[in-house]
PDB file of N, CA and C in Angstrom:
ATOM      1  N   UNK A   1     107.187 138.846 123.496  1.00  0.00           N
ATOM      2  CA  UNK A   1     107.082 137.959 122.353  1.00  0.00           C
ATOM      3  C   UNK A   1     107.755 136.624 122.648  1.00  0.00           C
ATOM      4  N   UNK A   2     109.019 136.696 123.056  1.00  0.00           N
ATOM      5  CA  UNK A   2     109.792 135.474 123.262  1.00  0.00           C
ATOM      6  C   UNK A   2     109.191 134.603 124.356  1.00  0.00           C
ATOM      7  N   UNK A   3     108.664 135.240 125.421  1.00  0.00           N
ATOM      8  CA  UNK A   3     108.047 134.477 126.511  1.00  0.00           C
ATOM      9  C   UNK A   3     106.839 133.702 126.009  1.00  0.00           C
ATOM     10  N   UNK A   4     106.037 134.358 125.215  1.00  0.00           N
ATOM     11  CA  UNK A   4     104.819 133.711 124.684  1.00  0.00           C
ATOM     12  C   UNK A   4     105.194 132.527 123.791  1.00  0.00           C
ATOM     13  N   UNK A   5     106.152 132.727 122.919  1.00  0.00           N
ATOM     14  CA  UNK A   5     106.537 131.648 122.008  1.00  0.00           C
ATOM     15  C   UNK A   5     107.194 130.507 122.786  1.00  0.00           C
ATOM     16  N   UNK A   6     107.966 130.830 123.805  1.00  0.00           N
ATOM     17  CA  UNK A   6     108.596 129.792 124.621  1.00  0.00           C
ATOM     18  C   UNK A   6     107.540 128.959 125.341  1.00  0.00           C
ATOM     19  N   UNK A   7     106.512 129.616 125.862  1.00  0.00           N
ATOM     20  CA  UNK A   7     105.426 128.868 126.522  1.00  0.00           C
ATOM     21  C   UNK A   7     104.716 127.934 125.540  1.00  0.00           C
ATOM     22  N   UNK A   8     104.439 128.444 124.345  1.00  0.00           N
ATOM     23  CA  UNK A   8     103.774 127.616 123.329  1.00  0.00           C
ATOM     24  C   UNK A   8     104.698 126.470 122.931  1.00  0.00           C
ATOM     25  N   UNK A   9     105.992 126.749 122.809  1.00  0.00           N
ATOM     26  CA  UNK A   9     106.958 125.717 122.430  1.00  0.00           C
ATOM     27  C   UNK A   9     106.955 124.573 123.441  1.00  0.00           C
ATOM     28  N   UNK A  10     106.869 124.891 124.731  1.00  0.00           N
ATOM     29  CA  UNK A  10     106.858 123.854 125.766  1.00  0.00           C
ATOM     30  C   UNK A  10     105.628 122.966 125.644  1.00  0.00           C
ATOM     31  N   UNK A  11     104.517 123.547 125.218  1.00  0.00           N
ATOM     32  CA  UNK A  11     103.282 122.781 125.042  1.00  0.00           C
ATOM     33  C   UNK A  11     103.286 122.003 123.724  1.00  0.00           C
ATOM     34  N   UNK A  12     103.816 122.632 122.686  1.00  0.00           N
ATOM     35  CA  UNK A  12     103.775 122.043 121.352  1.00  0.00           C
ATOM     36  C   UNK A  12     104.973 122.519 120.531  1.00  0.00           C
ATOM     37  N   UNK A  13     106.064 121.735 120.503  1.00  0.00           N
ATOM     38  CA  UNK A  13     107.247 122.167 119.742  1.00  0.00           C
ATOM     39  C   UNK A  13     107.051 122.141 118.224  1.00  0.00           C
ATOM     40  N   UNK A  14     105.964 121.518 117.770  1.00  0.00           N
ATOM     41  CA  UNK A  14     105.656 121.462 116.331  1.00  0.00           C
ATOM     42  C   UNK A  14     104.244 122.004 116.101  1.00  0.00           C
ATOM     43  N   UNK A  15     104.065 123.321 116.191  1.00  0.00           N
ATOM     44  CA  UNK A  15     102.716 123.867 115.996  1.00  0.00           C
ATOM     45  C   UNK A  15     102.262 123.714 114.546  1.00  0.00           C
ATOM     46  N   UNK A  16     100.972 123.492 114.397  1.00  0.00           N
ATOM     47  CA  UNK A  16     100.439 123.381 113.044  1.00  0.00           C
ATOM     48  C   UNK A  16     100.239 124.780 112.452  1.00  0.00           C
ATOM     49  N   UNK A  17      99.816 124.809 111.210  1.00  0.00           N
ATOM     50  CA  UNK A  17      99.657 126.081 110.496  1.00  0.00           C
ATOM     51  C   UNK A  17      98.702 127.026 111.221  1.00  0.00           C
ATOM     52  N   UNK A  18      97.618 126.479 111.731  1.00  0.00           N
ATOM     53  CA  UNK A  18      96.624 127.301 112.429  1.00  0.00           C
ATOM     54  C   UNK A  18      97.236 127.950 113.679  1.00  0.00           C
ATOM     55  N   UNK A  19      97.994 127.180 114.446  1.00  0.00           N
ATOM     56  CA  UNK A  19      98.643 127.717 115.641  1.00  0.00           C
ATOM     57  C   UNK A  19      99.671 128.788 115.272  1.00  0.00           C
ATOM     58  N   UNK A  20     100.439 128.538 114.224  1.00  0.00           N
ATOM     59  CA  UNK A  20     101.432 129.524 113.784  1.00  0.00           C
ATOM     60  C   UNK A  20     100.759 130.814 113.337  1.00  0.00           C
ATOM     61  N   UNK A  21      99.662 130.679 112.619  1.00  0.00           N
ATOM     62  CA  UNK A  21      98.930 131.852 112.141  1.00  0.00           C
ATOM     63  C   UNK A  21      98.389 132.657 113.316  1.00  0.00           C
ATOM     64  N   UNK A  22      97.832 131.970 114.307  1.00  0.00           N
ATOM     65  CA  UNK A  22      97.292 132.640 115.486  1.00  0.00           C
ATOM     66  C   UNK A  22      98.402 133.377 116.245  1.00  0.00           C
ATOM     67  N   UNK A  23      99.524 132.714 116.423  1.00  0.00           N
ATOM     68  CA  UNK A  23     100.654 133.339 117.109  1.00  0.00           C
ATOM     69  C   UNK A  23     101.157 134.556 116.340  1.00  0.00           C
ATOM     70  N   UNK A  24     101.241 134.430 115.038  1.00  0.00           N
ATOM     71  CA  UNK A  24     101.743 135.536 114.233  1.00  0.00           C
ATOM     72  C   UNK A  24     100.838 136.760 114.377  1.00  0.00           C
ATOM     73  N   UNK A  25      99.534 136.548 114.414  1.00  0.00           N
ATOM     74  CA  UNK A  25      98.598 137.665 114.579  1.00  0.00           C
ATOM     75  C   UNK A  25      98.715 138.275 115.970  1.00  0.00           C
ATOM     76  N   UNK A  26      98.848 137.433 116.987  1.00  0.00           N
ATOM     77  CA  UNK A  26      98.978 137.927 118.364  1.00  0.00           C
ATOM     78  C   UNK A  26     100.240 138.765 118.543  1.00  0.00           C
ATOM     79  N   UNK A  27     101.331 138.341 117.908  1.00  0.00           N
ATOM     80  CA  UNK A  27     102.622 138.961 118.142  1.00  0.00           C
ATOM     81  C   UNK A  27     103.031 139.978 117.082  1.00  0.00           C
ATOM     82  N   UNK A  28     102.234 140.098 116.047  1.00  0.00           N
ATOM     83  CA  UNK A  28     102.554 141.057 114.989  1.00  0.00           C
ATOM     84  C   UNK A  28     103.718 140.616 114.120  1.00  0.00           C
ATOM     85  N   UNK A  29     103.859 139.307 113.948  1.00  0.00           N
ATOM     86  CA  UNK A  29     104.911 138.746 113.110  1.00  0.00           C
ATOM     87  C   UNK A  29     104.272 138.034 111.926  1.00  0.00           C
ATOM     88  N   UNK A  30     105.071 137.706 110.935  1.00  0.00           N
ATOM     89  CA  UNK A  30     104.552 136.899 109.833  1.00  0.00           C
ATOM     90  C   UNK A  30     104.531 135.436 110.281  1.00  0.00           C
ATOM     91  N   UNK A  31     103.681 134.647 109.663  1.00  0.00           N
ATOM     92  CA  UNK A  31     103.620 133.216 109.978  1.00  0.00           C
ATOM     93  C   UNK A  31     104.967 132.559 109.671  1.00  0.00           C
ATOM     94  N   UNK A  32     105.646 133.076 108.673  1.00  0.00           N
ATOM     95  CA  UNK A  32     106.959 132.533 108.306  1.00  0.00           C
ATOM     96  C   UNK A  32     107.991 132.790 109.414  1.00  0.00           C
ATOM     97  N   UNK A  33     107.950 133.974 110.013  1.00  0.00           N
ATOM     98  CA  UNK A  33     108.863 134.274 111.115  1.00  0.00           C
ATOM     99  C   UNK A  33     108.621 133.327 112.292  1.00  0.00           C
ATOM    100  N   UNK A  34     107.368 133.070 112.576  1.00  0.00           N
ATOM    101  CA  UNK A  34     107.011 132.163 113.674  1.00  0.00           C
ATOM    102  C   UNK A  34     107.508 130.757 113.344  1.00  0.00           C
ATOM    103  N   UNK A  35     107.281 130.335 112.110  1.00  0.00           N
ATOM    104  CA  UNK A  35     107.725 129.007 111.676  1.00  0.00           C
ATOM    105  C   UNK A  35     109.229 128.849 111.866  1.00  0.00           C
ATOM    106  N   UNK A  36     110.002 129.845 111.429  1.00  0.00           N
ATOM    107  CA  UNK A  36     111.458 129.764 111.561  1.00  0.00           C
ATOM    108  C   UNK A  36     111.909 129.844 113.013  1.00  0.00           C
ATOM    109  N   UNK A  37     111.187 130.608 113.836  1.00  0.00           N
ATOM    110  CA  UNK A  37     111.542 130.671 115.251  1.00  0.00           C
ATOM    111  C   UNK A  37     111.449 129.271 115.855  1.00  0.00           C
ATOM    112  N   UNK A  38     110.371 128.558 115.553  1.00  0.00           N
ATOM    113  CA  UNK A  38     110.192 127.203 116.093  1.00  0.00           C
ATOM    114  C   UNK A  38     111.245 126.246 115.536  1.00  0.00           C
ATOM    115  N   UNK A  39     111.564 126.353 114.259  1.00  0.00           N
ATOM    116  CA  UNK A  39     112.614 125.504 113.685  1.00  0.00           C
ATOM    117  C   UNK A  39     113.951 125.763 114.367  1.00  0.00           C
ATOM    118  N   UNK A  40     114.279 127.029 114.544  1.00  0.00           N
ATOM    119  CA  UNK A  40     115.542 127.379 115.184  1.00  0.00           C
ATOM    120  C   UNK A  40     115.581 126.922 116.632  1.00  0.00           C
ATOM    121  N   UNK A  41     114.474 127.043 117.323  1.00  0.00           N
ATOM    122  CA  UNK A  41     114.415 126.617 118.728  1.00  0.00           C
ATOM    123  C   UNK A  41     114.603 125.104 118.846  1.00  0.00           C
ATOM    124  N   UNK A  42     113.963 124.340 117.971  1.00  0.00           N
ATOM    125  CA  UNK A  42     114.132 122.873 117.998  1.00  0.00           C
ATOM    126  C   UNK A  42     115.585 122.506 117.738  1.00  0.00           C
ATOM    127  N   UNK A  43     116.213 123.176 116.788  1.00  0.00           N
ATOM    128  CA  UNK A  43     117.625 122.915 116.485  1.00  0.00           C
ATOM    129  C   UNK A  43     118.491 123.279 117.679  1.00  0.00           C
ATOM    130  N   UNK A  44     118.225 124.396 118.303  1.00  0.00           N
ATOM    131  CA  UNK A  44     118.987 124.829 119.474  1.00  0.00           C
ATOM    132  C   UNK A  44     118.897 123.789 120.595  1.00  0.00           C
ATOM    133  N   UNK A  45     117.720 123.252 120.829  1.00  0.00           N
ATOM    134  CA  UNK A  45     117.525 122.234 121.869  1.00  0.00           C
ATOM    135  C   UNK A  45     118.324 120.981 121.521  1.00  0.00           C
ATOM    136  N   UNK A  46     118.268 120.546 120.270  1.00  0.00           N
ATOM    137  CA  UNK A  46     119.012 119.356 119.847  1.00  0.00           C
ATOM    138  C   UNK A  46     120.508 119.541 120.048  1.00  0.00           C
ATOM    139  N   UNK A  47     121.022 120.704 119.683  1.00  0.00           N
ATOM    140  CA  UNK A  47     122.453 120.973 119.828  1.00  0.00           C
ATOM    141  C   UNK A  47     122.834 120.980 121.303  1.00  0.00           C
ATOM    142  N   UNK A  48     122.029 121.629 122.134  1.00  0.00           N
ATOM    143  CA  UNK A  48     122.332 121.657 123.569  1.00  0.00           C
ATOM    144  C   UNK A  48     122.330 120.251 124.153  1.00  0.00           C
ATOM    145  N   UNK A  49     121.379 119.439 123.765  1.00  0.00           N
ATOM    146  CA  UNK A  49     121.331 118.062 124.263  1.00  0.00           C
ATOM    147  C   UNK A  49     122.532 117.260 123.787  1.00  0.00           C
ATOM    148  N   UNK A  50     122.942 117.470 122.548  1.00  0.00           N
ATOM    149  CA  UNK A  50     124.097 116.765 122.015  1.00  0.00           C
ATOM    150  C   UNK A  50     125.349 117.092 122.824  1.00  0.00           C
ATOM    151  N   UNK A  51     125.580 118.379 123.066  1.00  0.00           N
ATOM    152  CA  UNK A  51     126.787 118.778 123.799  1.00  0.00           C
ATOM    153  C   UNK A  51     126.728 118.375 125.260  1.00  0.00           C
ATOM    154  N   UNK A  52     125.547 118.307 125.798  1.00  0.00           N
ATOM    155  CA  UNK A  52     125.393 117.874 127.190  1.00  0.00           C
ATOM    156  C   UNK A  52     125.784 116.403 127.341  1.00  0.00           C
ATOM    157  N   UNK A  53     125.580 115.612 126.294  1.00  0.00           N
ATOM    158  CA  UNK A  53     125.857 114.178 126.330  1.00  0.00           C
ATOM    159  C   UNK A  53     127.296 113.854 125.949  1.00  0.00           C
ATOM    160  N   UNK A  54     128.042 114.812 125.460  1.00  0.00           N
ATOM    161  CA  UNK A  54     129.418 114.538 125.040  1.00  0.00           C
ATOM    162  C   UNK A  54     130.399 114.945 126.131  1.00  0.00           C
ATOM    163  N   UNK A  55     131.582 114.430 126.047  1.00  0.00           N
ATOM    164  CA  UNK A  55     132.637 114.715 127.015  1.00  0.00           C
ATOM    165  C   UNK A  55     133.278 116.063 126.692  1.00  0.00           C
ATOM    166  N   UNK A  56     133.132 117.062 127.581  1.00  0.00           N
ATOM    167  CA  UNK A  56     133.679 118.391 127.282  1.00  0.00           C
ATOM    168  C   UNK A  56     135.207 118.437 127.245  1.00  0.00           C
ATOM    169  N   UNK A  57     135.874 117.399 127.754  1.00  0.00           N
ATOM    170  CA  UNK A  57     137.335 117.390 127.728  1.00  0.00           C
ATOM    171  C   UNK A  57     137.881 116.795 126.437  1.00  0.00           C
ATOM    172  N   UNK A  58     137.013 116.244 125.612  1.00  0.00           N
ATOM    173  CA  UNK A  58     137.428 115.647 124.342  1.00  0.00           C
ATOM    174  C   UNK A  58     137.803 116.763 123.357  1.00  0.00           C
ATOM    175  N   UNK A  59     139.071 116.813 122.913  1.00  0.00           N
ATOM    176  CA  UNK A  59     139.488 117.901 122.012  1.00  0.00           C
ATOM    177  C   UNK A  59     138.729 117.905 120.688  1.00  0.00           C
ATOM    178  N   UNK A  60     138.307 116.752 120.206  1.00  0.00           N
ATOM    179  CA  UNK A  60     137.522 116.702 118.958  1.00  0.00           C
ATOM    180  C   UNK A  60     136.196 117.439 119.141  1.00  0.00           C
ATOM    181  N   UNK A  61     135.575 117.247 120.297  1.00  0.00           N
ATOM    182  CA  UNK A  61     134.305 117.913 120.567  1.00  0.00           C
ATOM    183  C   UNK A  61     134.516 119.415 120.708  1.00  0.00           C
ATOM    184  N   UNK A  62     135.654 119.823 121.268  1.00  0.00           N
ATOM    185  CA  UNK A  62     135.939 121.246 121.388  1.00  0.00           C
ATOM    186  C   UNK A  62     136.014 121.887 120.002  1.00  0.00           C
ATOM    187  N   UNK A  63     136.638 121.213 119.067  1.00  0.00           N
ATOM    188  CA  UNK A  63     136.709 121.734 117.692  1.00  0.00           C
ATOM    189  C   UNK A  63     135.322 121.817 117.075  1.00  0.00           C
ATOM    190  N   UNK A  64     134.493 120.815 117.331  1.00  0.00           N
ATOM    191  CA  UNK A  64     133.127 120.837 116.804  1.00  0.00           C
ATOM    192  C   UNK A  64     132.348 122.001 117.411  1.00  0.00           C
ATOM    193  N   UNK A  65     132.565 122.266 118.687  1.00  0.00           N
ATOM    194  CA  UNK A  65     131.894 123.402 119.334  1.00  0.00           C
ATOM    195  C   UNK A  65     132.262 124.714 118.667  1.00  0.00           C
ATOM    196  N   UNK A  66     133.521 124.872 118.331  1.00  0.00           N
ATOM    197  CA  UNK A  66     133.966 126.109 117.700  1.00  0.00           C
ATOM    198  C   UNK A  66     133.340 126.286 116.319  1.00  0.00           C
ATOM    199  N   UNK A  67     133.106 125.202 115.611  1.00  0.00           N
ATOM    200  CA  UNK A  67     132.500 125.283 114.279  1.00  0.00           C
ATOM    201  C   UNK A  67     131.049 125.738 114.345  1.00  0.00           C
ATOM    202  N   UNK A  68     130.339 125.389 115.429  1.00  0.00           N
ATOM    203  CA  UNK A  68     128.919 125.741 115.538  1.00  0.00           C
ATOM    204  C   UNK A  68     128.706 127.161 116.021  1.00  0.00           C
ATOM    205  N   UNK A  69     129.702 127.787 116.567  1.00  0.00           N
ATOM    206  CA  UNK A  69     129.516 129.140 117.114  1.00  0.00           C
ATOM    207  C   UNK A  69     129.630 130.192 116.067  1.00  0.00           C
TER     208      UNK A  69
END
């Protein structure tokens, strides 16, 4: 399941309703579950990019990291 959704995400991080419906049928999930998976994945990517761009030795950033975990 996760491999298939990851491949689709790389092609289209914002699938339309039709794509979500097709994926949900293929994977045996609800369209809502697929929708939230994509939302969560986009958020995860944004957070990873944010932390990659910040200074890991900055104590303020360390506190922010602890809040997100």
